[in-house]
């Protein structure tokens, strides 16, 4: 955390594309949203996409990593600027489903962290954040969610740090994720040879960009005195909405896998207003080079079922995109208090460009 604070202080001395203090309270007036990026620079991809956060909008930055040797091991962190109405993530501590966090009516800044250990045990914590600051200049993206963590990013990769908890709750989580880029950024209708600057998804105010679809990752996290370290594959994306997400969305599914030399990414979205129209995106890369990508109707299939593993049958999914068929075993499942947000991580195997490969995957679904 001290490293990020120091770097943020130094970078603001230079010419900045933006240097923003984000208030911790919700805005009560109208807002505007951006769904086009002027460049592939990290500062533009990571920039806030909403002019403000009000009660029915959200703007978040998500990072995660899954273990190479044991895909049970995973860490995910989301930094958010959001209101309670329509925000898809719990703003309540796990196990407390009726009482809001103390002292934060109208609060807008949040940090979430999920950890799964190698033996399958799970941990989730959400914390209100006092203030946030972001700086972007060219290929540099730096942010601090004060009292929770932040990141420093460039085209080469990201350093993510977090320190959450307090004495009263008995929660103390510290650590970080170090990511080194494998693949280039991806937006919904990007192709293998061309990045699309249009970041909107559907017609309900949702935006998305996979800033770093795949990366080598080093994770070191301590949860209430228990340390988890692993080498893995990392991911960073950005998601935002100018409308109430929970009432305008029927389903949003997004996931990614790394198998052998292959990086796989998929997204499927249906809105409440057009429940029979599936909006999709896919990305396949081999050894860091794009093989296929696109958003053609029907090009992504996600079928729930059971997967055969060494330990027997487990629930899972069959994911199909151009050039790849991947079976994902849902070895670990994390469900929010409302049951509308589910996150899985586990083993993956598939046929990619005719090659059999194995690896790990993280898969997430919001359904209403």
Protein backbone atom coordinates (compact mmCIF):
# COMPACT_ATOMS: atom_id res chain seq x y z
CA UNK A 1 0.00 0.00 0.00
CA UNK A 2 2.79 2.40 0.86
CA UNK A 3 4.41 1.68 -2.51
CA UNK A 4 1.21 2.61 -4.36
CA UNK A 5 0.76 5.77 -2.32
CA UNK A 6 4.30 6.85 -3.07
CA UNK A 7 3.97 6.18 -6.78
CA UNK A 8 0.62 7.97 -6.95
CA UNK A 9 2.18 11.00 -5.29
CA UNK A 10 5.08 11.06 -7.75
CA UNK A 11 3.01 10.52 -10.87
CA UNK A 12 0.71 13.44 -10.16
CA UNK A 13 3.74 15.72 -10.49
CA UNK A 14 3.95 14.81 -14.17
CA UNK A 15 1.51 15.82 -16.90
CA UNK A 16 -1.58 13.67 -16.39
CA UNK A 17 -4.41 12.75 -18.72
CA UNK A 18 -6.55 12.70 -15.60
CA UNK A 19 -6.08 12.87 -11.85
CA UNK A 20 -9.34 12.30 -10.03
CA UNK A 21 -10.48 12.24 -6.42
CA UNK A 22 -13.57 10.04 -6.15
CA UNK A 23 -15.93 11.04 -3.31
CA UNK A 24 -17.38 8.36 -1.02
CA UNK A 25 -20.95 9.66 -1.29
CA UNK A 26 -23.55 9.13 -4.00
CA UNK A 27 -24.36 11.88 -6.48
CA UNK A 28 -27.99 13.00 -6.65
CA UNK A 29 -28.06 14.57 -10.12
CA UNK A 30 -27.96 13.19 -13.66
CA UNK A 31 -24.85 11.37 -14.85
CA UNK A 32 -23.15 10.60 -18.13
CA UNK A 33 -21.43 7.37 -19.20
CA UNK A 34 -18.67 6.56 -21.71
CA UNK A 35 -18.89 3.56 -24.03
CA UNK A 36 -16.04 4.46 -26.40
CA UNK A 37 -12.33 4.43 -25.63
CA UNK A 38 -10.07 6.89 -27.47
CA UNK A 39 -7.08 4.54 -27.32
CA UNK A 40 -5.69 1.23 -26.07
CA UNK A 41 -3.64 3.03 -23.41
CA UNK A 42 -4.11 1.68 -19.89
CA UNK A 43 -5.11 5.15 -18.73
CA UNK A 44 -8.05 5.16 -21.16
CA UNK A 45 -9.14 1.55 -20.64
CA UNK A 46 -9.01 1.91 -16.84
CA UNK A 47 -10.48 5.42 -16.65
CA UNK A 48 -13.76 5.96 -14.75
CA UNK A 49 -16.58 5.44 -17.21
CA UNK A 50 -19.25 7.32 -15.24
CA UNK A 51 -19.18 11.04 -14.51
CA UNK A 52 -20.47 10.20 -11.01
CA UNK A 53 -22.05 7.29 -9.16
CA UNK A 54 -25.67 7.64 -8.13
CA UNK A 55 -28.01 5.21 -6.39
CA UNK A 56 -28.68 3.11 -9.50
CA UNK A 57 -25.27 2.96 -11.23
CA UNK A 58 -21.93 1.25 -10.74
CA UNK A 59 -18.37 1.48 -12.05
CA UNK A 60 -15.95 -1.26 -11.05
CA UNK A 61 -12.43 -2.59 -11.58
CA UNK A 62 -11.94 -6.35 -11.16
CA UNK A 63 -8.78 -8.45 -10.77
CA UNK A 64 -8.45 -12.20 -10.18
CA UNK A 65 -5.98 -15.09 -10.33
CA UNK A 66 -6.28 -18.89 -10.29
CA UNK A 67 -3.57 -21.39 -9.36
CA UNK A 68 -1.68 -23.36 -12.01
CA UNK A 69 -0.90 -26.42 -9.88
CA UNK A 70 -4.15 -26.36 -7.93
CA UNK A 71 -7.10 -24.48 -9.48
CA UNK A 72 -8.87 -24.59 -6.12
CA UNK A 73 -6.58 -21.70 -5.14
CA UNK A 74 -7.89 -18.33 -6.29
CA UNK A 75 -8.07 -14.68 -5.30
CA UNK A 76 -10.43 -12.04 -6.70
CA UNK A 77 -10.60 -8.33 -5.85
CA UNK A 78 -13.13 -5.74 -7.02
CA UNK A 79 -12.87 -2.00 -6.38
CA UNK A 80 -16.19 -0.22 -6.97
CA UNK A 81 -17.89 3.17 -7.11
CA UNK A 82 -21.56 2.28 -6.85
CA UNK A 83 -25.02 2.80 -5.42
CA UNK A 84 -27.11 0.17 -3.67
CA UNK A 85 -30.03 0.11 -6.13
CA UNK A 86 -29.18 -2.28 -8.91
CA UNK A 87 -25.59 -2.95 -7.85
CA UNK A 88 -24.95 -6.67 -8.46
CA UNK A 89 -22.54 -7.33 -5.58
CA UNK A 90 -23.45 -7.62 -1.90
CA UNK A 91 -22.78 -4.49 0.16
CA UNK A 92 -23.21 -6.49 3.35
CA UNK A 93 -20.80 -8.68 5.27
CA UNK A 94 -21.29 -12.42 4.62
CA UNK A 95 -23.92 -13.85 6.95
CA UNK A 96 -25.51 -10.43 7.59
CA UNK A 97 -28.28 -10.00 5.04
CA UNK A 98 -30.48 -7.30 6.57
CA UNK A 99 -28.31 -4.75 8.36
CA UNK A 100 -26.34 -2.28 6.22
CA UNK A 101 -22.72 -1.58 7.01
CA UNK A 102 -22.63 0.83 9.98
CA UNK A 103 -22.30 4.52 9.30
CA UNK A 104 -22.47 4.37 5.50
CA UNK A 105 -25.91 5.47 4.25
CA UNK A 106 -25.53 6.81 0.73
CA UNK A 107 -22.01 5.44 0.53
CA UNK A 108 -20.44 4.83 -2.89
CA UNK A 109 -16.93 3.35 -2.49
CA UNK A 110 -16.43 -0.38 -1.88
CA UNK A 111 -13.79 -3.07 -1.94
CA UNK A 112 -14.59 -6.79 -2.25
CA UNK A 113 -12.20 -9.70 -1.86
CA UNK A 114 -12.80 -13.41 -2.42
CA UNK A 115 -10.26 -16.12 -1.54
CA UNK A 116 -10.44 -19.87 -2.06
CA UNK A 117 -7.77 -22.01 -0.45
CA UNK A 118 -6.15 -25.10 -1.91
CA UNK A 119 -8.39 -27.36 0.18
CA UNK A 120 -11.54 -25.61 -1.08
CA UNK A 121 -12.25 -23.38 1.93
CA UNK A 122 -13.69 -20.00 0.96
CA UNK A 123 -13.48 -16.46 2.32
CA UNK A 124 -15.34 -13.30 1.25
CA UNK A 125 -15.17 -9.80 2.68
CA UNK A 126 -16.73 -6.49 1.62
CA UNK A 127 -15.60 -3.16 3.03
CA UNK A 128 -16.73 0.44 2.72
CA UNK A 129 -13.87 2.72 1.65
CA UNK A 130 -13.29 6.28 2.87
CA UNK A 131 -12.04 7.83 -0.38
CA UNK A 132 -10.40 6.95 -3.69
CA UNK A 133 -7.98 8.55 -6.08
CA UNK A 134 -7.12 7.66 -9.67
CA UNK A 135 -4.37 8.84 -11.98
CA UNK A 136 -3.93 8.05 -15.64
CA UNK A 137 -1.28 9.15 -18.10
CA UNK A 138 -0.61 7.34 -21.36
CA UNK A 139 0.33 3.76 -20.54
CA UNK A 140 0.09 4.31 -16.77
CA UNK A 141 -2.93 3.54 -14.58
CA UNK A 142 -2.69 4.02 -10.81
CA UNK A 143 -5.48 3.95 -8.20
CA UNK A 144 -5.88 3.93 -4.44
CA UNK A 145 -9.03 2.90 -2.57
CA UNK A 146 -7.85 4.38 0.73
CA UNK A 147 -8.01 1.86 3.55
CA UNK A 148 -8.48 -1.10 1.20
CA UNK A 149 -5.93 -1.27 -1.61
CA UNK A 150 -5.34 -0.29 -5.20
CA UNK A 151 -3.31 -1.01 -8.30
CA UNK A 152 -0.50 0.20 -10.51
CA UNK A 153 -0.81 -0.85 -14.15
CA UNK A 154 0.90 -0.53 -17.50
CA UNK A 155 0.87 -2.35 -20.82
CA UNK A 156 3.27 -4.90 -19.31
CA UNK A 157 1.12 -5.85 -16.33
CA UNK A 158 -0.35 -4.89 -12.96
CA UNK A 159 0.61 -4.77 -9.31
CA UNK A 160 -2.51 -5.09 -7.15
CA UNK A 161 -2.35 -4.58 -3.38
CA UNK A 162 -5.02 -4.95 -0.72
CA UNK A 163 -5.29 -4.54 3.05
CA UNK A 164 -8.80 -4.83 4.45
CA UNK A 165 -10.45 -5.53 7.79
CA UNK A 166 -10.52 -4.07 11.28
CA UNK A 167 -10.14 -5.11 14.89
CA UNK A 168 -13.88 -4.92 15.57
CA UNK A 169 -14.81 -7.43 12.85
CA UNK A 170 -11.80 -9.65 13.48
CA UNK A 171 -10.99 -9.61 9.76
CA UNK A 172 -7.45 -8.92 8.58
CA UNK A 173 -6.54 -9.56 4.94
CA UNK A 174 -3.34 -8.33 3.33
CA UNK A 175 -1.46 -9.21 0.19
CA UNK A 176 -1.27 -8.68 -3.51
CA UNK A 177 -1.36 -10.02 -7.04
CA UNK A 178 1.49 -9.39 -9.45
CA UNK A 179 0.49 -9.84 -13.11
CA UNK A 180 2.58 -10.01 -16.27
CA UNK A 181 0.58 -9.69 -19.47
CA UNK A 182 0.14 -12.68 -21.81
CA UNK A 183 -2.56 -11.39 -24.18
CA UNK A 184 -3.71 -8.04 -25.53
CA UNK A 185 -6.88 -6.25 -24.42
CA UNK A 186 -10.28 -7.33 -25.71
CA UNK A 187 -13.67 -5.64 -26.09
CA UNK A 188 -16.95 -7.22 -27.08
CA UNK A 189 -16.63 -7.04 -30.88
CA UNK A 190 -12.85 -7.00 -31.17
CA UNK A 191 -11.49 -9.38 -33.80
CA UNK A 192 -8.24 -11.32 -33.80
CA UNK A 193 -6.54 -8.48 -35.69
CA UNK A 194 -8.45 -5.39 -34.58
CA UNK A 195 -9.49 -3.95 -31.20
CA UNK A 196 -12.98 -2.43 -31.22
CA UNK A 197 -13.22 0.91 -29.41
CA UNK A 198 -16.95 0.34 -28.76
CA UNK A 199 -17.33 -0.92 -25.18
CA UNK A 200 -21.11 -1.09 -24.82
CA UNK A 201 -22.96 -4.40 -24.34
CA UNK A 202 -26.59 -4.58 -25.35
CA UNK A 203 -29.07 -1.72 -24.98
CA UNK A 204 -29.36 -1.45 -21.19
CA UNK A 205 -26.44 0.82 -20.34
CA UNK A 206 -23.85 -1.90 -19.63
CA UNK A 207 -20.19 -1.50 -20.58
CA UNK A 208 -17.29 -3.96 -20.44
CA UNK A 209 -13.67 -4.29 -21.46
CA UNK A 210 -11.19 -7.07 -20.69
CA UNK A 211 -8.19 -4.87 -20.01
CA UNK A 212 -5.94 -7.90 -19.52
CA UNK A 213 -7.64 -11.16 -20.57
CA UNK A 214 -4.75 -13.38 -19.45
CA UNK A 215 -1.52 -12.91 -17.52
CA UNK A 216 1.06 -14.78 -15.51
CA UNK A 217 0.30 -14.12 -11.85
CA UNK A 218 2.09 -14.37 -8.52
CA UNK A 219 -0.25 -14.29 -5.52
CA UNK A 220 0.67 -13.76 -1.88
CA UNK A 221 -2.24 -13.20 0.50
CA UNK A 222 -2.70 -13.63 4.25
CA UNK A 223 -6.25 -14.13 5.57
CA UNK A 224 -6.59 -13.79 9.34
CA UNK A 225 -3.05 -15.08 9.84
CA UNK A 226 -3.21 -17.89 7.24
CA UNK A 227 -0.95 -17.39 4.24
CA UNK A 228 -1.76 -18.48 0.69
CA UNK A 229 0.86 -18.24 -2.04
CA UNK A 230 0.66 -19.59 -5.57
CA UNK A 231 1.68 -19.07 -9.16
CA UNK A 232 -1.24 -18.76 -11.50
CA UNK A 233 -2.99 -17.04 -14.34
CA UNK A 234 -4.41 -13.56 -13.82
CA UNK A 235 -7.17 -11.45 -15.30
CA UNK A 236 -8.35 -7.83 -15.16
CA UNK A 237 -11.53 -6.34 -16.56
CA UNK A 238 -13.77 -3.32 -16.10
CA UNK A 239 -17.57 -3.36 -15.91
CA UNK A 240 -20.00 -0.47 -15.50
CA UNK A 241 -23.66 0.42 -15.91
CA UNK A 242 -25.56 3.70 -16.18
CA UNK A 243 -28.84 1.97 -15.29
CA UNK A 244 -30.00 -0.28 -12.44
CA UNK A 245 -28.25 -3.54 -13.29
CA UNK A 246 -30.43 -5.93 -11.32
CA UNK A 247 -33.70 -4.72 -12.89
CA UNK A 248 -32.38 -4.30 -16.46
CA UNK A 249 -30.44 -7.59 -16.62
CA UNK A 250 -31.78 -11.11 -17.00
CA UNK A 251 -28.38 -12.83 -17.12
CA UNK A 252 -24.70 -11.96 -17.40
CA UNK A 253 -22.14 -14.76 -17.60
CA UNK A 254 -18.45 -14.20 -18.08
CA UNK A 255 -15.50 -16.52 -17.61
CA UNK A 256 -12.01 -17.35 -18.70
CA UNK A 257 -9.66 -20.31 -18.77
CA UNK A 258 -6.02 -21.10 -19.44
CA UNK A 259 -5.26 -24.52 -20.94
CA UNK A 260 -1.77 -25.41 -22.14
CA UNK A 261 -0.67 -22.49 -24.32
CA UNK A 262 -4.24 -21.30 -24.84
CA UNK A 263 -6.12 -18.36 -23.31
CA UNK A 264 -9.93 -18.52 -23.53
CA UNK A 265 -12.43 -15.77 -22.69
CA UNK A 266 -16.22 -15.71 -23.05
CA UNK A 267 -19.16 -13.47 -22.20
CA UNK A 268 -22.92 -13.88 -22.59
CA UNK A 269 -25.54 -11.24 -21.73
CA UNK A 270 -29.31 -11.01 -21.99
CA UNK A 271 -31.30 -7.96 -20.94
CA UNK A 272 -34.67 -7.90 -19.22
CA UNK A 273 -36.14 -6.01 -22.17
CA UNK A 274 -34.85 -8.53 -24.77
CA UNK A 275 -34.65 -11.86 -22.91
CA UNK A 276 -34.48 -13.92 -26.11
CA UNK A 277 -31.56 -11.99 -27.58
CA UNK A 278 -28.16 -13.26 -26.40
CA UNK A 279 -25.31 -10.74 -26.67
CA UNK A 280 -21.96 -12.55 -26.74
CA UNK A 281 -18.22 -12.09 -27.00
CA UNK A 282 -15.34 -14.54 -27.29
CA UNK A 283 -11.56 -14.51 -27.45
CA UNK A 284 -9.03 -17.27 -28.10
CA UNK A 285 -5.26 -16.83 -28.07
CA UNK A 286 -2.34 -19.22 -28.39
CA UNK A 287 0.93 -18.33 -26.68
CA UNK A 288 -0.25 -14.73 -26.36
CA UNK A 289 -1.22 -14.29 -30.01
CA UNK A 290 -4.89 -13.85 -30.93
CA UNK A 291 -6.36 -16.77 -32.87
CA UNK A 292 -10.03 -15.78 -33.02
CA UNK A 293 -12.32 -13.19 -31.48
CA UNK A 294 -15.72 -11.75 -32.18
CA UNK A 295 -19.34 -11.24 -31.25
CA UNK A 296 -21.36 -13.11 -33.90
CA UNK A 297 -24.81 -14.22 -32.79
CA UNK A 298 -24.79 -17.79 -31.53
CA UNK A 299 -20.99 -18.02 -31.42
CA UNK A 300 -20.89 -18.65 -27.65
CA UNK A 301 -22.68 -21.59 -26.03
CA UNK A 302 -22.76 -22.27 -22.28
CA UNK A 303 -24.45 -25.49 -21.15
CA UNK A 304 -24.74 -26.47 -17.49
CA UNK A 305 -24.25 -30.14 -16.66
CA UNK A 306 -21.87 -32.52 -14.94
CA UNK A 307 -18.19 -33.10 -15.55
CA UNK A 308 -16.30 -36.34 -14.95
CA UNK A 309 -13.21 -35.79 -12.76
CA UNK A 310 -10.77 -38.04 -10.93
CA UNK A 311 -12.93 -37.62 -7.84
CA UNK A 312 -16.16 -38.48 -9.67
CA UNK A 313 -18.94 -36.43 -11.21
CA UNK A 314 -19.15 -32.74 -10.28
CA UNK A 315 -21.34 -29.93 -11.55
CA UNK A 316 -19.88 -27.90 -14.36
CA UNK A 317 -20.31 -26.28 -17.74
CA UNK A 318 -19.57 -26.91 -21.38
CA UNK A 319 -18.41 -23.72 -23.07
CA UNK A 320 -18.13 -23.44 -26.82
CA UNK A 321 -16.52 -20.59 -28.76
CA UNK A 322 -15.00 -20.48 -32.26
CA UNK A 323 -11.93 -22.71 -32.19
CA UNK A 324 -12.48 -24.15 -28.71
CA UNK A 325 -14.72 -26.47 -26.72
CA UNK A 326 -13.99 -26.33 -22.98
CA UNK A 327 -15.42 -28.40 -20.11
CA UNK A 328 -15.26 -26.52 -16.80
CA UNK A 329 -15.62 -28.37 -13.48
CA UNK A 330 -17.24 -26.20 -10.80
CA UNK A 331 -14.97 -27.48 -8.02
CA UNK A 332 -15.60 -24.41 -5.84
CA UNK A 333 -18.80 -22.37 -5.71
CA UNK A 334 -19.34 -19.01 -4.00
CA UNK A 335 -22.91 -17.69 -3.82
CA UNK A 336 -23.90 -14.25 -2.57
CA UNK A 337 -26.53 -13.67 0.08
CA UNK A 338 -29.27 -13.06 -2.49
CA UNK A 339 -28.38 -16.10 -4.59
CA UNK A 340 -28.16 -14.01 -7.76
CA UNK A 341 -24.36 -13.85 -8.06
CA UNK A 342 -22.37 -17.08 -8.34
CA UNK A 343 -18.65 -17.55 -8.84
CA UNK A 344 -16.91 -20.84 -9.66
CA UNK A 345 -13.31 -21.86 -10.07
CA UNK A 346 -11.92 -25.28 -10.88
CA UNK A 347 -10.38 -27.61 -13.41
CA UNK A 348 -10.84 -27.24 -17.14
CA UNK A 349 -10.13 -29.45 -20.11
CA UNK A 350 -10.93 -28.99 -23.76
CA UNK A 351 -10.14 -29.22 -27.42
CA UNK A 352 -8.57 -26.05 -28.80
CA UNK A 353 -7.75 -25.92 -32.49
CA UNK A 354 -7.94 -29.71 -32.42
CA UNK A 355 -5.50 -30.03 -29.49
CA UNK A 356 -6.47 -31.65 -26.15
CA UNK A 357 -5.40 -29.48 -23.21
CA UNK A 358 -6.03 -29.17 -19.47
CA UNK A 359 -5.89 -26.23 -17.09
CA UNK A 360 -8.08 -24.10 -14.84
CA UNK A 361 -11.01 -21.70 -15.17
CA UNK A 362 -12.94 -19.00 -13.33
CA UNK A 363 -16.60 -18.53 -14.23
CA UNK A 364 -19.12 -15.96 -12.94
CA UNK A 365 -22.87 -15.53 -13.37
CA UNK A 366 -25.42 -12.89 -12.43
CA UNK A 367 -29.01 -14.02 -12.94
CA UNK A 368 -32.32 -12.38 -12.08
